[in-house]
């Protein structure tokens, strides 16, 4: 078989990254729309939810965590957990000051 027939049946190397990039652009547009809509009590929750979706897409596709070993996934989750701890401790310090 020639290389041309094989490349016709397989998806492009750029197909998934381009789709994820388009999804990230759509989430960016959703973030901008949420910033200007009058959703005051839910604005932070919606923005954080969109941010977590963006971070998840980047981690899974561009950092290739979906194809990595279990140890690498555990290390990534541990780093994410420590990042959450740092944000929570910073927020408690900030909110406890008069």
Protein backbone atom coordinates (compact mmCIF):
# COMPACT_ATOMS: atom_id res chain seq x y z
CA UNK A 1 0.00 0.00 0.00
CA UNK A 2 1.11 3.50 -0.60
CA UNK A 3 1.47 6.11 2.11
CA UNK A 4 -1.27 8.17 0.52
CA UNK A 5 -4.00 5.56 1.16
CA UNK A 6 -2.98 5.22 4.80
CA UNK A 7 -3.03 8.96 5.39
CA UNK A 8 -6.51 9.20 3.87
CA UNK A 9 -7.98 6.81 6.45
CA UNK A 10 -6.20 8.26 9.50
CA UNK A 11 -7.18 11.59 11.02
CA UNK A 12 -4.76 14.46 10.79
CA UNK A 13 -2.25 14.98 13.55
CA UNK A 14 -3.67 18.48 13.99
CA UNK A 15 -7.35 17.50 14.14
CA UNK A 16 -7.68 17.09 17.91
CA UNK A 17 -5.52 20.11 18.90
CA UNK A 18 -7.47 22.33 16.50
CA UNK A 19 -10.79 21.11 17.90
CA UNK A 20 -9.57 21.74 21.44
CA UNK A 21 -8.32 25.18 20.44
CA UNK A 22 -11.75 25.98 19.00
CA UNK A 23 -13.37 24.72 22.20
CA UNK A 24 -11.05 26.97 24.23
CA UNK A 25 -12.03 29.92 22.06
CA UNK A 26 -15.71 29.11 22.60
CA UNK A 27 -15.11 28.94 26.36
CA UNK A 28 -13.31 32.28 26.17
CA UNK A 29 -16.32 33.81 24.42
CA UNK A 30 -18.55 32.29 27.09
CA UNK A 31 -16.37 33.83 29.79
CA UNK A 32 -16.62 37.26 28.20
CA UNK A 33 -20.40 36.92 27.85
CA UNK A 34 -20.72 35.80 31.49
CA UNK A 35 -18.73 38.83 32.60
CA UNK A 36 -21.22 41.23 31.04
CA UNK A 37 -24.46 39.43 31.92
CA UNK A 38 -26.27 40.42 35.13
CA UNK A 39 -25.60 37.14 36.97
CA UNK A 40 -24.20 38.72 40.11
CA UNK A 41 -24.75 35.90 42.65
CA UNK A 42 -23.60 33.20 40.22
CA UNK A 43 -20.89 35.06 38.30
CA UNK A 44 -17.95 33.68 40.30
CA UNK A 45 -19.24 30.10 40.20
CA UNK A 46 -19.83 30.25 36.45
CA UNK A 47 -16.43 31.82 35.81
CA UNK A 48 -14.64 29.23 37.95
CA UNK A 49 -16.52 26.40 36.25
CA UNK A 50 -15.47 27.67 32.83
CA UNK A 51 -11.88 28.09 34.06
CA UNK A 52 -11.80 24.50 35.33
CA UNK A 53 -13.08 23.27 31.96
CA UNK A 54 -10.33 25.21 30.18
CA UNK A 55 -7.67 23.85 32.54
CA UNK A 56 -8.99 20.32 32.09
CA UNK A 57 -8.87 20.56 28.30
CA UNK A 58 -5.33 21.92 28.39
CA UNK A 59 -4.17 19.25 30.84
CA UNK A 60 -5.74 16.36 28.97
CA UNK A 61 -4.83 17.29 25.42
CA UNK A 62 -1.81 19.58 25.38
CA UNK A 63 -0.08 18.06 28.43
CA UNK A 64 -1.15 14.60 27.15
CA UNK A 65 -2.41 13.41 30.53
CA UNK A 66 -4.97 11.24 28.77
CA UNK A 67 -2.16 9.10 27.32
CA UNK A 68 0.31 9.26 30.23
CA UNK A 69 1.10 6.71 32.90
CA UNK A 70 -0.74 6.47 36.20
CA UNK A 71 2.17 7.95 38.13
CA UNK A 72 2.20 11.08 35.98
CA UNK A 73 -1.56 11.47 36.43
CA UNK A 74 -1.20 11.14 40.20
CA UNK A 75 1.57 13.75 40.22
CA UNK A 76 -0.59 16.14 38.18
CA UNK A 77 -3.54 15.64 40.53
CA UNK A 78 -1.28 16.20 43.55
CA UNK A 79 0.01 19.44 42.06
CA UNK A 80 -3.54 20.57 41.37
CA UNK A 81 -4.55 19.68 44.94
CA UNK A 82 -1.69 21.74 46.39
CA UNK A 83 -2.67 24.64 44.15
CA UNK A 84 -6.20 24.49 45.59
CA UNK A 85 -4.75 24.42 49.12
CA UNK A 86 -2.68 27.53 48.37
CA UNK A 87 -5.69 29.39 46.98
CA UNK A 88 -7.85 28.43 49.97
CA UNK A 89 -5.20 29.45 52.49
CA UNK A 90 -4.60 32.74 50.68
CA UNK A 91 -8.32 33.44 50.59
CA UNK A 92 -8.72 32.70 54.31
CA UNK A 93 -5.84 35.04 55.11
CA UNK A 94 -7.28 37.76 52.91
CA UNK A 95 -10.82 37.39 54.26
CA UNK A 96 -9.77 37.24 57.92
CA UNK A 97 -8.07 40.65 57.87
CA UNK A 98 -10.10 43.63 59.10
